[in-house]
């Protein structure tokens, strides 16, 4: 059995120490660290955080030859090969590793070298507690199986069937809040790390509803016997990453409800959708996955055009299932769906990149977005979710409501996910064709199109009116029927000491034509200083007004003319106009 021992050797320096005991090995044995983590499609070069990688045989130093940025080769036969190294852990995201005096967290992809050729062998992970009285109350949270003689939440030994399982169980250590609930007979734990005032009873009650709704959707039996929600609570943050029996989450402190709160806040609604999203991934991408990911090749990019299905369909279900589970009401769900649509229609990139292209180029475009992203790309999350809605409604109409998107997901689970078989580029289309009884190629042609999906007439057949209006201001996220602006700046901005700082600029809009760019600090329009109420201030001038504007680019003062144009109807609002036509969708 391959053995890993990991110790938070110096929390103040953010250092884990790892010892890898390989046992007998031959000259030429290679060891490597993954370049990316499943679920986050960008090469992250975790190897950059490794320090002093050294090899030993029976405690005698041996030569390790570094082959590339993340691979090493043993230069002799060894009776008892051991590698030792340190890992710098100062990434607060869910994708890597973090360690200080308050807690420790790591993904296996950031800390555990792979013994190449022996990935299928069982492994043992021994977790050591940091030294010092201040750490005496630390515990461990992970979905990995405790070794015989150890127990969950204790430091000590844990076991995995192979390397792939080892790196799919992140680990949290520290003083955390623990709450528990059962969903369909399966024990679930919620761990909250960080300062908070959360009502864990309410959160667990809501999560139970969501988890049971999702388990029921896929047949009533969960594909694991224990599940863990690992949540890091910070002042402001958002993120999640799926794993085979757990998820690592980051949320803002104010997103979680306090015991004194009873209503549904936007922040808590978002948190529940995040949990719903990551939990849905237990089926859709952890087990139902592209054939390209079977097995994962973590040393390099793994290109697929199918991310629209694995993130887009999941993004459709995440909000929808919070409604189906009874956590949010119909009005709230329609607001959420309107906000989703608005995130798509606000971007010009949807006219330049298809969903298939967005999926394929995730490695260099979606995960490396810059200030021009909204003008250049479309998200396979958001537009993928709209395509999932489009499929769902069409399946319902074409089968007289006998089938819906649930049935597609159930077939994918039965025929692919539960069998360990990956999906090909035409799998989803072929299954939909079977469901509706005809060739579905016309529906799936939208995957290679840059045109907007024809959702308005579809929704109308379900008694829902889709209205497009102009934004009501810089902070308008859509979904609600607010008053619209008559003119627009054509840029998003944040507050700056002298005025407002432009975050991004819409190609072809007034700001762009005036010469403004992302990063500029706009200080005056029409010789008056501006602030975050700029959108409202522009209203007094009207369409066609030509206004002088002054801004700083770096330390240089620049001037231009801002010509106001009509505000574009890029904000979506959904309204039920005929309840009788919803027919099981809402």
Protein backbone atom coordinates (compact mmCIF):
# COMPACT_ATOMS: atom_id res chain seq x y z
CA UNK A 1 0.00 0.00 0.00
CA UNK A 2 1.29 3.44 -0.96
CA UNK A 3 1.35 5.71 2.08
CA UNK A 4 1.15 9.50 2.39
CA UNK A 5 1.80 11.36 5.61
CA UNK A 6 0.90 15.04 5.70
CA UNK A 7 1.51 17.44 8.55
CA UNK A 8 0.78 21.17 8.94
CA UNK A 9 4.42 21.67 9.91
CA UNK A 10 4.29 25.48 10.17
CA UNK A 11 0.87 27.12 9.99
CA UNK A 12 2.37 30.59 10.40
CA UNK A 13 4.52 30.01 7.30
CA UNK A 14 1.61 28.25 5.54
CA UNK A 15 3.61 25.04 5.06
CA UNK A 16 2.45 21.44 4.90
CA UNK A 17 5.10 18.72 5.00
CA UNK A 18 4.43 15.57 3.01
CA UNK A 19 6.15 12.20 3.17
CA UNK A 20 5.35 9.69 0.44
CA UNK A 21 6.36 6.09 1.16
CA UNK A 22 6.39 4.11 -2.08
CA UNK A 23 8.18 0.95 -0.94
CA UNK A 24 10.20 -1.10 -3.38
CA UNK A 25 10.68 0.56 -6.76
CA UNK A 26 12.89 0.38 -9.80
CA UNK A 27 15.14 2.80 -11.59
CA UNK A 28 13.07 5.02 -13.85
CA UNK A 29 10.08 5.24 -11.50
CA UNK A 30 8.30 8.52 -12.19
CA UNK A 31 6.32 10.69 -9.83
CA UNK A 32 4.23 13.70 -10.80
CA UNK A 33 1.78 16.27 -9.50
CA UNK A 34 -1.45 17.07 -11.38
CA UNK A 35 -1.54 20.30 -13.37
CA UNK A 36 -5.27 20.89 -12.85
CA UNK A 37 -8.12 19.75 -10.64
CA UNK A 38 -11.26 18.08 -12.03
CA UNK A 39 -14.16 20.52 -12.21
CA UNK A 40 -11.96 23.57 -12.78
CA UNK A 41 -10.78 23.62 -16.35
CA UNK A 42 -7.54 25.55 -16.28
CA UNK A 43 -3.96 24.40 -15.87
CA UNK A 44 -3.00 25.81 -12.48
CA UNK A 45 0.55 24.48 -12.08
CA UNK A 46 0.16 23.37 -8.48
CA UNK A 47 3.79 22.28 -8.70
CA UNK A 48 4.87 25.88 -8.23
CA UNK A 49 4.11 25.48 -4.52
CA UNK A 50 6.34 22.43 -3.96
CA UNK A 51 9.52 23.07 -1.96
CA UNK A 52 12.60 20.84 -1.59
CA UNK A 53 11.46 17.63 -3.25
CA UNK A 54 13.93 15.00 -1.99
CA UNK A 55 14.21 11.23 -2.35
CA UNK A 56 15.53 8.58 0.04
CA UNK A 57 16.12 4.83 0.05
CA UNK A 58 16.36 3.30 3.50
CA UNK A 59 16.92 6.83 4.82
CA UNK A 60 19.84 7.46 2.46
CA UNK A 61 19.52 10.37 0.03
CA UNK A 62 19.13 9.40 -3.63
CA UNK A 63 19.12 11.34 -6.88
CA UNK A 64 15.83 12.54 -8.32
CA UNK A 65 15.91 13.86 -11.86
CA UNK A 66 13.33 16.53 -12.62
CA UNK A 67 11.82 15.86 -16.05
CA UNK A 68 9.54 18.87 -16.37
CA UNK A 69 7.74 21.38 -14.16
CA UNK A 70 5.70 18.70 -12.36
CA UNK A 71 7.48 15.35 -12.87
CA UNK A 72 10.48 13.60 -11.30
CA UNK A 73 12.29 10.32 -12.04
CA UNK A 74 14.12 8.01 -9.63
CA UNK A 75 17.64 7.25 -10.87
CA UNK A 76 18.20 3.88 -9.11
CA UNK A 77 16.48 0.77 -7.79
CA UNK A 78 15.16 1.28 -4.26
CA UNK A 79 14.19 -1.12 -1.46
CA UNK A 80 12.14 1.49 0.39
CA UNK A 81 11.61 4.64 -1.66
CA UNK A 82 10.52 7.69 0.31
CA UNK A 83 9.93 11.22 -0.97
CA UNK A 84 9.72 14.27 1.25
CA UNK A 85 8.70 17.79 0.33
CA UNK A 86 6.87 20.83 1.60
CA UNK A 87 3.83 22.55 0.10
CA UNK A 88 3.23 26.28 0.38
CA UNK A 89 -0.50 26.66 1.06
CA UNK A 90 -1.82 30.21 0.77
CA UNK A 91 -4.70 29.95 -1.70
CA UNK A 92 -8.07 30.61 -0.06
CA UNK A 93 -10.03 29.24 -3.02
CA UNK A 94 -11.68 25.82 -3.20
CA UNK A 95 -9.17 24.66 -5.83
CA UNK A 96 -5.85 24.40 -4.01
CA UNK A 97 -4.60 24.55 -0.40
CA UNK A 98 -4.59 27.01 2.49
CA UNK A 99 -3.00 26.90 5.94
CA UNK A 100 -2.64 29.37 8.79
CA UNK A 101 -3.22 29.44 12.53
CA UNK A 102 -7.01 29.42 12.05
CA UNK A 103 -7.45 26.35 9.85
CA UNK A 104 -5.98 24.13 7.15
CA UNK A 105 -7.49 22.98 3.87
CA UNK A 106 -6.11 21.04 0.92
CA UNK A 107 -7.08 19.21 -2.23
CA UNK A 108 -5.05 16.13 -3.00
CA UNK A 109 -4.15 17.52 -6.41
CA UNK A 110 -2.13 20.22 -4.64
CA UNK A 111 -0.21 18.04 -2.20
CA UNK A 112 0.01 14.38 -3.27
CA UNK A 113 2.51 13.26 -5.91
CA UNK A 114 1.25 10.44 -8.11
CA UNK A 115 3.33 7.25 -8.35
CA UNK A 116 3.04 6.68 -12.09
CA UNK A 117 2.05 3.18 -13.13
CA UNK A 118 0.69 2.42 -9.67
CA UNK A 119 -2.33 4.70 -9.65
CA UNK A 120 -4.72 1.75 -9.16
CA UNK A 121 -3.13 0.60 -5.89
CA UNK A 122 -4.83 1.31 -2.56
CA UNK A 123 -3.42 4.20 -0.56
CA UNK A 124 -3.31 5.33 3.04
CA UNK A 125 -3.26 8.98 4.12
CA UNK A 126 -2.01 9.77 7.60
CA UNK A 127 -3.00 13.20 8.90
CA UNK A 128 -0.88 14.66 11.68
CA UNK A 129 -2.04 17.50 13.90
CA UNK A 130 0.04 20.68 14.14
CA UNK A 131 2.16 21.03 17.25
CA UNK A 132 1.20 23.60 19.86
CA UNK A 133 -1.39 24.13 22.56
CA UNK A 134 -3.35 26.55 20.36
CA UNK A 135 -4.20 23.67 18.00
CA UNK A 136 -5.39 21.18 20.63
CA UNK A 137 -9.04 21.58 19.65
CA UNK A 138 -8.50 21.08 15.91
CA UNK A 139 -10.49 18.37 14.17
CA UNK A 140 -10.50 16.92 10.67
CA UNK A 141 -13.36 16.94 8.14
CA UNK A 142 -13.17 14.79 5.01
CA UNK A 143 -15.37 12.28 3.20
CA UNK A 144 -12.45 9.88 2.88
CA UNK A 145 -12.94 6.60 4.76
CA UNK A 146 -11.24 6.40 8.17
CA UNK A 147 -8.83 3.48 8.45
CA UNK A 148 -9.68 0.67 10.89
CA UNK A 149 -9.04 1.97 14.38
CA UNK A 150 -9.58 5.60 13.40
CA UNK A 151 -12.83 7.55 13.44
CA UNK A 152 -14.31 10.35 11.40
CA UNK A 153 -13.25 13.89 12.41
CA UNK A 154 -10.06 12.62 14.06
CA UNK A 155 -6.47 13.05 12.98
CA UNK A 156 -4.93 9.73 12.01
CA UNK A 157 -5.19 7.37 9.05
CA UNK A 158 -7.67 7.38 6.17
CA UNK A 159 -7.80 5.03 3.20
CA UNK A 160 -8.73 5.22 -0.48
CA UNK A 161 -9.01 2.53 -3.14
CA UNK A 162 -6.68 4.33 -5.55
CA UNK A 163 -4.99 7.63 -6.37
CA UNK A 164 -8.04 8.98 -8.18
CA UNK A 165 -10.14 8.55 -5.05
CA UNK A 166 -7.38 9.97 -2.85
CA UNK A 167 -7.33 13.29 -4.69
CA UNK A 168 -11.14 13.49 -4.82
CA UNK A 169 -11.55 13.90 -1.06
CA UNK A 170 -10.49 17.38 0.10
CA UNK A 171 -9.55 17.82 3.74
CA UNK A 172 -10.44 20.57 6.22
CA UNK A 173 -8.79 20.86 9.63
CA UNK A 174 -9.34 23.32 12.44
CA UNK A 175 -12.07 24.37 14.86
CA UNK A 176 -15.30 24.29 12.90
CA UNK A 177 -19.03 24.10 13.43
CA UNK A 178 -20.52 20.69 12.66
CA UNK A 179 -24.18 20.04 11.90
CA UNK A 180 -25.82 16.89 10.53
CA UNK A 181 -28.91 15.65 8.71
CA UNK A 182 -30.05 12.59 6.79
CA UNK A 183 -31.24 12.64 3.19
CA UNK A 184 -32.93 9.50 1.86
CA UNK A 185 -31.27 7.53 4.64
CA UNK A 186 -27.76 8.80 3.89
CA UNK A 187 -25.92 10.78 6.61
CA UNK A 188 -24.89 14.27 5.52
CA UNK A 189 -22.68 16.67 7.45
CA UNK A 190 -22.32 20.44 7.16
CA UNK A 191 -19.03 21.94 8.31
CA UNK A 192 -18.69 25.71 8.68
CA UNK A 193 -15.16 27.07 9.05
CA UNK A 194 -14.68 30.71 10.00
CA UNK A 195 -16.57 33.21 12.10
CA UNK A 196 -20.31 33.13 11.55
CA UNK A 197 -23.72 33.47 13.18
CA UNK A 198 -25.48 30.94 10.98
CA UNK A 199 -28.70 29.16 11.87
CA UNK A 200 -27.41 25.65 11.13
CA UNK A 201 -30.77 24.03 11.91
CA UNK A 202 -32.43 26.07 9.17
CA UNK A 203 -29.60 25.46 6.70
CA UNK A 204 -29.69 21.70 7.32
CA UNK A 205 -33.48 21.62 6.93
CA UNK A 206 -33.23 23.37 3.56
CA UNK A 207 -30.28 21.27 2.39
CA UNK A 208 -32.17 18.11 3.31
CA UNK A 209 -35.03 19.15 1.01
CA UNK A 210 -32.66 19.91 -1.87
CA UNK A 211 -30.61 16.73 -1.47
CA UNK A 212 -33.70 14.53 -1.29
CA UNK A 213 -35.16 16.20 -4.38
CA UNK A 214 -31.98 15.50 -6.33
CA UNK A 215 -31.60 11.94 -5.09
CA UNK A 216 -35.23 11.29 -6.05
CA UNK A 217 -34.64 12.76 -9.51
CA UNK A 218 -31.92 10.17 -10.14
CA UNK A 219 -33.85 7.17 -8.88
CA UNK A 220 -33.98 7.46 -5.10
CA UNK A 221 -30.61 5.97 -4.19
CA UNK A 222 -27.54 8.13 -3.57
CA UNK A 223 -24.26 6.94 -5.14
CA UNK A 224 -22.42 7.26 -1.79
CA UNK A 225 -23.02 6.29 1.84
CA UNK A 226 -21.90 9.61 3.37
CA UNK A 227 -21.74 13.20 2.12
CA UNK A 228 -20.00 16.33 3.39
CA UNK A 229 -20.64 20.03 2.72
CA UNK A 230 -17.34 21.77 3.58
CA UNK A 231 -17.96 25.52 3.80
CA UNK A 232 -15.44 28.27 4.44
CA UNK A 233 -17.20 31.40 5.68
CA UNK A 234 -15.48 34.70 4.86
CA UNK A 235 -16.36 38.37 4.81
CA UNK A 236 -17.08 38.30 1.09
CA UNK A 237 -16.61 35.37 -1.25
CA UNK A 238 -18.28 32.80 -3.47
CA UNK A 239 -17.20 29.51 -4.97
CA UNK A 240 -17.67 25.78 -5.04
CA UNK A 241 -16.05 22.63 -6.37
CA UNK A 242 -17.63 19.22 -6.62
CA UNK A 243 -16.13 15.94 -5.39
CA UNK A 244 -17.36 12.34 -5.35
CA UNK A 245 -18.75 12.46 -1.79
CA UNK A 246 -18.30 16.08 -0.75
CA UNK A 247 -18.12 19.64 -1.95
CA UNK A 248 -15.82 22.49 -0.96
CA UNK A 249 -17.62 25.83 -0.74
CA UNK A 250 -16.79 29.46 0.01
CA UNK A 251 -19.53 31.90 0.97
CA UNK A 252 -19.94 35.33 2.48
CA UNK A 253 -20.77 35.59 6.16
CA UNK A 254 -23.93 37.58 5.46
CA UNK A 255 -25.13 34.95 2.96
CA UNK A 256 -25.98 32.57 5.80
CA UNK A 257 -29.17 33.21 7.80
CA UNK A 258 -28.93 34.14 11.46
CA UNK A 259 -31.19 32.55 14.04
CA UNK A 260 -33.11 35.83 14.25
CA UNK A 261 -33.81 35.91 10.49
CA UNK A 262 -36.84 34.21 8.99
CA UNK A 263 -37.17 35.57 5.46
CA UNK A 264 -35.32 34.54 2.31
CA UNK A 265 -32.47 36.92 1.51
CA UNK A 266 -30.76 37.16 -1.85
CA UNK A 267 -27.51 35.97 -0.28
CA UNK A 268 -29.05 32.86 1.28
CA UNK A 269 -30.92 32.10 -1.92
CA UNK A 270 -27.59 32.23 -3.75
CA UNK A 271 -25.94 29.97 -1.16
CA UNK A 272 -28.67 27.34 -1.50
CA UNK A 273 -28.33 27.44 -5.29
CA UNK A 274 -24.58 26.96 -4.93
CA UNK A 275 -25.13 23.92 -2.72
CA UNK A 276 -27.75 22.62 -5.15
CA UNK A 277 -25.34 23.10 -8.06
CA UNK A 278 -22.45 21.24 -6.46
CA UNK A 279 -24.70 18.46 -5.18
CA UNK A 280 -26.18 17.93 -8.66
CA UNK A 281 -22.63 17.39 -9.87
CA UNK A 282 -22.58 14.16 -7.85
CA UNK A 283 -24.31 12.72 -10.88
CA UNK A 284 -23.73 15.22 -13.66
CA UNK A 285 -19.92 15.32 -14.20
CA UNK A 286 -18.63 13.25 -11.29
CA UNK A 287 -20.23 10.07 -12.60
CA UNK A 288 -21.95 11.06 -15.84
CA UNK A 289 -19.02 12.61 -17.66
CA UNK A 290 -17.49 13.10 -21.11
CA UNK A 291 -15.60 10.10 -22.46
CA UNK A 292 -12.66 12.48 -22.71
CA UNK A 293 -12.56 12.50 -18.91
CA UNK A 294 -12.46 8.71 -18.56
CA UNK A 295 -9.90 8.61 -17.12
CA UNK A 296 -8.81 12.16 -16.33
CA UNK A 297 -5.51 13.28 -17.80
CA UNK A 298 -4.44 15.79 -15.19
CA UNK A 299 -1.01 16.54 -16.61
CA UNK A 300 -2.44 18.50 -19.56
CA UNK A 301 -5.62 20.07 -20.91
CA UNK A 302 -8.47 17.68 -21.74
CA UNK A 303 -10.56 19.32 -24.43
CA UNK A 304 -14.28 18.66 -24.82
CA UNK A 305 -17.20 20.47 -26.44
CA UNK A 306 -19.58 19.10 -23.80
CA UNK A 307 -19.12 21.46 -20.84
CA UNK A 308 -22.41 23.15 -21.80
CA UNK A 309 -24.07 19.88 -20.67
CA UNK A 310 -22.13 19.39 -17.48
CA UNK A 311 -22.11 22.96 -16.22
CA UNK A 312 -24.99 24.42 -18.22
CA UNK A 313 -27.57 21.75 -17.42
CA UNK A 314 -26.38 21.80 -13.81
CA UNK A 315 -26.80 25.59 -13.75
CA UNK A 316 -30.37 25.21 -14.99
CA UNK A 317 -31.20 22.69 -12.30
CA UNK A 318 -29.48 24.46 -9.38
CA UNK A 319 -32.01 27.30 -9.04
CA UNK A 320 -34.91 25.20 -10.30
CA UNK A 321 -34.36 22.52 -7.65
CA UNK A 322 -34.38 25.06 -4.83
CA UNK A 323 -37.89 25.89 -6.05
CA UNK A 324 -38.93 22.27 -6.57
CA UNK A 325 -37.66 21.43 -3.08
CA UNK A 326 -39.79 24.20 -1.58
CA UNK A 327 -36.93 26.42 -0.40
CA UNK A 328 -37.88 29.38 -2.59
CA UNK A 329 -41.25 30.36 -3.99
CA UNK A 330 -42.23 30.71 -7.63
CA UNK A 331 -41.75 34.46 -7.74
CA UNK A 332 -38.23 34.12 -6.36
CA UNK A 333 -37.42 31.43 -8.90
CA UNK A 334 -38.62 33.59 -11.79
CA UNK A 335 -36.43 36.43 -10.51
CA UNK A 336 -33.46 34.04 -10.44
CA UNK A 337 -34.21 32.84 -13.97
CA UNK A 338 -34.55 36.43 -15.16
CA UNK A 339 -31.18 37.27 -13.62
CA UNK A 340 -29.65 34.28 -15.40
CA UNK A 341 -31.05 35.42 -18.74
CA UNK A 342 -29.79 38.95 -18.10
CA UNK A 343 -26.24 37.71 -17.52
CA UNK A 344 -26.36 36.25 -21.02
CA UNK A 345 -28.03 39.14 -22.84
CA UNK A 346 -25.71 41.74 -21.28
CA UNK A 347 -22.72 40.20 -23.08
CA UNK A 348 -21.84 40.90 -26.71
CA UNK A 349 -19.68 37.78 -26.73
CA UNK A 350 -22.74 35.61 -27.24
CA UNK A 351 -22.75 36.77 -30.87
CA UNK A 352 -19.12 35.71 -31.35
CA UNK A 353 -18.74 32.35 -29.61
CA UNK A 354 -20.94 29.25 -29.69
CA UNK A 355 -21.64 26.98 -26.74
CA UNK A 356 -19.45 24.28 -28.23
CA UNK A 357 -16.62 26.75 -28.71
CA UNK A 358 -17.08 28.08 -25.19
CA UNK A 359 -16.80 24.55 -23.83
CA UNK A 360 -13.74 23.66 -25.87
CA UNK A 361 -11.86 26.87 -25.08
CA UNK A 362 -12.64 26.98 -21.36
CA UNK A 363 -8.95 26.42 -20.58
CA UNK A 364 -7.81 29.69 -22.11
CA UNK A 365 -10.90 31.87 -22.31
CA UNK A 366 -13.58 31.22 -19.68
CA UNK A 367 -11.09 30.55 -16.89
CA UNK A 368 -8.82 33.39 -17.94
CA UNK A 369 -11.35 36.15 -18.38
CA UNK A 370 -10.20 39.73 -18.66
CA UNK A 371 -11.96 43.07 -18.96
CA UNK A 372 -12.96 42.29 -22.55
CA UNK A 373 -14.58 38.93 -21.81
CA UNK A 374 -18.16 40.21 -22.13
CA UNK A 375 -17.35 41.39 -25.65
CA UNK A 376 -15.60 38.20 -26.73
CA UNK A 377 -16.99 35.06 -25.10
CA UNK A 378 -20.18 33.47 -23.82
CA UNK A 379 -20.42 31.38 -20.66
CA UNK A 380 -21.23 27.69 -21.05
CA UNK A 381 -22.68 27.98 -17.53
CA UNK A 382 -25.26 30.68 -18.23
CA UNK A 383 -26.09 30.18 -21.90
CA UNK A 384 -25.75 26.45 -21.31
CA UNK A 385 -28.46 26.79 -18.66
CA UNK A 386 -30.69 28.63 -21.12
CA UNK A 387 -30.15 25.85 -23.66
CA UNK A 388 -31.16 23.35 -20.97
CA UNK A 389 -34.35 25.37 -20.42
CA UNK A 390 -34.92 25.38 -24.18
CA UNK A 391 -34.51 21.58 -24.29
CA UNK A 392 -36.74 21.03 -21.28
CA UNK A 393 -39.63 23.07 -22.66
CA UNK A 394 -39.34 21.54 -26.13
CA UNK A 395 -39.29 18.00 -24.77
CA UNK A 396 -42.43 18.74 -22.76
CA UNK A 397 -44.25 20.22 -25.75
CA UNK A 398 -43.22 17.53 -28.23
CA UNK A 399 -44.25 14.68 -25.92
CA UNK A 400 -47.47 16.27 -24.67
CA UNK A 401 -45.76 16.63 -21.27
CA UNK A 402 -45.03 12.90 -20.91
CA UNK A 403 -41.29 13.60 -20.82
CA UNK A 404 -39.02 16.42 -19.70
CA UNK A 405 -35.35 17.09 -19.06
CA UNK A 406 -35.52 14.90 -15.93
CA UNK A 407 -35.97 11.88 -18.17
CA UNK A 408 -32.87 12.77 -20.16
CA UNK A 409 -30.84 12.98 -16.95
CA UNK A 410 -32.24 9.66 -15.75
CA UNK A 411 -31.26 7.96 -19.00
CA UNK A 412 -27.79 9.47 -18.80
CA UNK A 413 -27.42 8.10 -15.27
CA UNK A 414 -28.79 4.64 -16.07
CA UNK A 415 -26.95 4.11 -19.36
CA UNK A 416 -23.73 6.01 -18.74
CA UNK A 417 -23.00 7.32 -15.25
CA UNK A 418 -23.94 4.22 -13.27
CA UNK A 419 -22.05 2.08 -15.79
CA UNK A 420 -18.86 4.13 -15.78
CA UNK A 421 -19.25 4.92 -19.49
CA UNK A 422 -18.39 8.39 -20.80
CA UNK A 423 -20.64 10.40 -23.11
CA UNK A 424 -19.73 11.27 -26.69
CA UNK A 425 -20.52 14.55 -28.44
CA UNK A 426 -23.79 13.16 -29.85
CA UNK A 427 -24.99 11.26 -26.78
CA UNK A 428 -27.36 13.93 -25.47
CA UNK A 429 -28.84 14.53 -28.92
CA UNK A 430 -29.40 10.82 -29.50
CA UNK A 431 -31.17 10.38 -26.16
CA UNK A 432 -33.40 13.41 -26.74
CA UNK A 433 -34.25 12.03 -30.18
CA UNK A 434 -35.45 8.84 -28.49
CA UNK A 435 -37.51 10.80 -25.97
CA UNK A 436 -39.34 12.96 -28.52
CA UNK A 437 -39.60 10.27 -31.20
CA UNK A 438 -37.81 12.15 -33.97
CA UNK A 439 -34.40 13.45 -34.98
CA UNK A 440 -33.49 16.24 -32.56
CA UNK A 441 -30.67 17.67 -34.68
CA UNK A 442 -32.62 20.91 -35.21
CA UNK A 443 -32.77 21.48 -31.45
CA UNK A 444 -29.08 20.77 -30.98
CA UNK A 445 -28.09 22.99 -33.91
CA UNK A 446 -28.23 25.84 -31.41
CA UNK A 447 -25.04 24.51 -29.82
CA UNK A 448 -23.11 25.67 -32.88
CA UNK A 449 -25.02 28.93 -33.33
CA UNK A 450 -24.30 32.43 -32.08
CA UNK A 451 -27.93 33.51 -32.35
CA UNK A 452 -30.11 34.06 -29.30
CA UNK A 453 -32.26 31.10 -28.32
CA UNK A 454 -35.97 31.59 -29.20
CA UNK A 455 -37.13 31.41 -25.59
CA UNK A 456 -39.91 34.02 -25.59
CA UNK A 457 -42.37 32.06 -27.79
CA UNK A 458 -41.55 28.86 -25.91
CA UNK A 459 -42.20 30.41 -22.53
CA UNK A 460 -45.43 31.93 -23.83
CA UNK A 461 -46.74 28.41 -24.44
CA UNK A 462 -46.26 27.79 -20.71
CA UNK A 463 -48.08 30.95 -19.69
CA UNK A 464 -44.92 32.92 -18.92
CA UNK A 465 -44.19 36.28 -20.52
CA UNK A 466 -40.55 37.20 -21.19
CA UNK A 467 -40.00 40.96 -21.33
CA UNK A 468 -36.76 42.68 -22.27
CA UNK A 469 -36.17 46.15 -20.87
CA UNK A 470 -33.26 48.49 -20.39
CA UNK A 471 -31.36 48.40 -17.11
CA UNK A 472 -32.54 50.63 -14.28
CA UNK A 473 -28.99 51.39 -13.19
CA UNK A 474 -25.45 50.15 -12.78
CA UNK A 475 -26.46 47.60 -10.12
CA UNK A 476 -29.55 46.21 -11.87
CA UNK A 477 -29.14 42.43 -12.23
CA UNK A 478 -32.46 41.83 -13.95
CA UNK A 479 -35.34 39.59 -12.97
CA UNK A 480 -37.50 42.37 -11.49
CA UNK A 481 -39.80 44.88 -13.15
CA UNK A 482 -37.94 48.09 -12.31
CA UNK A 483 -38.11 51.39 -14.20
CA UNK A 484 -35.72 51.45 -17.14
CA UNK A 485 -33.12 54.05 -18.04
CA UNK A 486 -33.64 56.02 -21.24
CA UNK A 487 -29.92 56.38 -22.00
CA UNK A 488 -26.86 54.35 -21.08
CA UNK A 489 -23.15 54.79 -20.54
CA UNK A 490 -22.27 51.42 -22.05
CA UNK A 491 -19.95 50.45 -19.21
CA UNK A 492 -19.99 48.88 -15.75
CA UNK A 493 -18.20 50.76 -13.01
CA UNK A 494 -17.29 50.85 -9.35
CA UNK A 495 -16.61 53.68 -6.96
CA UNK A 496 -13.21 55.39 -7.12
CA UNK A 497 -11.71 58.22 -5.00
CA UNK A 498 -12.07 60.79 -7.79
CA UNK A 499 -15.12 59.42 -9.58
CA UNK A 500 -15.87 55.94 -10.94
CA UNK A 501 -13.56 53.23 -12.25
CA UNK A 502 -14.71 51.41 -15.37
CA UNK A 503 -14.73 47.64 -14.96
CA UNK A 504 -15.65 46.80 -18.54
CA UNK A 505 -16.80 48.70 -21.60
CA UNK A 506 -19.43 47.50 -24.06
CA UNK A 507 -18.06 47.38 -27.57
CA UNK A 508 -19.92 49.91 -29.73
CA UNK A 509 -21.49 51.70 -26.77
CA UNK A 510 -21.19 55.40 -25.84
CA UNK A 511 -18.21 54.91 -23.50
CA UNK A 512 -16.33 52.93 -26.14
CA UNK A 513 -16.99 55.56 -28.82
CA UNK A 514 -15.85 58.32 -26.47
CA UNK A 515 -12.49 56.58 -26.12
CA UNK A 516 -12.96 55.21 -22.62
CA UNK A 517 -11.53 51.82 -21.67
CA UNK A 518 -11.69 49.38 -18.78
CA UNK A 519 -9.53 50.57 -15.92
CA UNK A 520 -10.04 54.26 -16.67
CA UNK A 521 -11.18 56.50 -13.82
CA UNK A 522 -13.94 58.75 -15.12
CA UNK A 523 -13.92 61.95 -13.06
CA UNK A 524 -16.25 64.38 -14.85
CA UNK A 525 -19.05 64.52 -17.42
CA UNK A 526 -20.21 67.88 -18.77
CA UNK A 527 -17.72 69.54 -16.40
CA UNK A 528 -19.38 68.01 -13.33
CA UNK A 529 -17.73 65.44 -11.06
CA UNK A 530 -19.29 61.98 -11.27
CA UNK A 531 -20.00 59.32 -8.67
CA UNK A 532 -21.79 55.97 -8.55
CA UNK A 533 -25.08 57.70 -9.41
CA UNK A 534 -23.70 58.43 -12.86
CA UNK A 535 -26.39 56.44 -14.71
CA UNK A 536 -29.14 58.48 -13.10
CA UNK A 537 -27.25 61.72 -13.73
CA UNK A 538 -27.05 61.01 -17.47
CA UNK A 539 -30.84 60.71 -17.63
CA UNK A 540 -31.27 64.49 -17.43
CA UNK A 541 -29.51 65.02 -20.75
CA UNK A 542 -31.47 62.64 -22.98
CA UNK A 543 -30.74 60.69 -26.15
CA UNK A 544 -28.36 62.39 -28.57
CA UNK A 545 -26.73 64.69 -26.01
CA UNK A 546 -23.02 65.24 -26.59
CA UNK A 547 -21.17 65.68 -23.32
CA UNK A 548 -17.54 66.42 -22.60
CA UNK A 549 -15.91 63.86 -20.34
CA UNK A 550 -12.60 63.70 -18.51
CA UNK A 551 -10.86 60.63 -17.18
CA UNK A 552 -7.54 59.37 -15.94
CA UNK A 553 -5.77 56.51 -17.69
CA UNK A 554 -2.86 55.61 -15.46
CA UNK A 555 -1.66 59.09 -14.38
CA UNK A 556 -2.61 60.84 -17.64
CA UNK A 557 -5.69 63.05 -17.93
CA UNK A 558 -7.69 62.37 -21.09
CA UNK A 559 -10.75 63.98 -22.65
CA UNK A 560 -13.46 62.94 -25.06
CA UNK A 561 -17.06 63.41 -26.09
CA UNK A 562 -19.79 61.14 -24.77
CA UNK A 563 -22.74 60.85 -27.15
CA UNK A 564 -25.71 59.34 -25.36
CA UNK A 565 -27.69 56.62 -27.12
CA UNK A 566 -30.92 54.83 -26.18
CA UNK A 567 -30.45 52.24 -23.44
CA UNK A 568 -30.54 48.73 -24.90
CA UNK A 569 -33.15 46.21 -23.72
CA UNK A 570 -30.69 43.71 -22.26
CA UNK A 571 -32.50 43.07 -18.98
CA UNK A 572 -34.88 40.10 -18.68
CA UNK A 573 -38.07 39.91 -16.62
CA UNK A 574 -40.39 36.88 -16.40
CA UNK A 575 -44.06 37.09 -15.44
CA UNK A 576 -46.69 34.34 -15.15
CA UNK A 577 -49.74 35.43 -17.14
CA UNK A 578 -51.61 32.10 -17.25
CA UNK A 579 -51.15 29.62 -14.38
CA UNK A 580 -53.15 26.95 -16.17
CA UNK A 581 -50.48 26.54 -18.85
CA UNK A 582 -47.52 25.87 -16.56
CA UNK A 583 -48.27 22.12 -16.77
CA UNK A 584 -45.83 20.76 -14.20
CA UNK A 585 -42.88 22.94 -15.12
CA UNK A 586 -43.59 25.47 -12.35
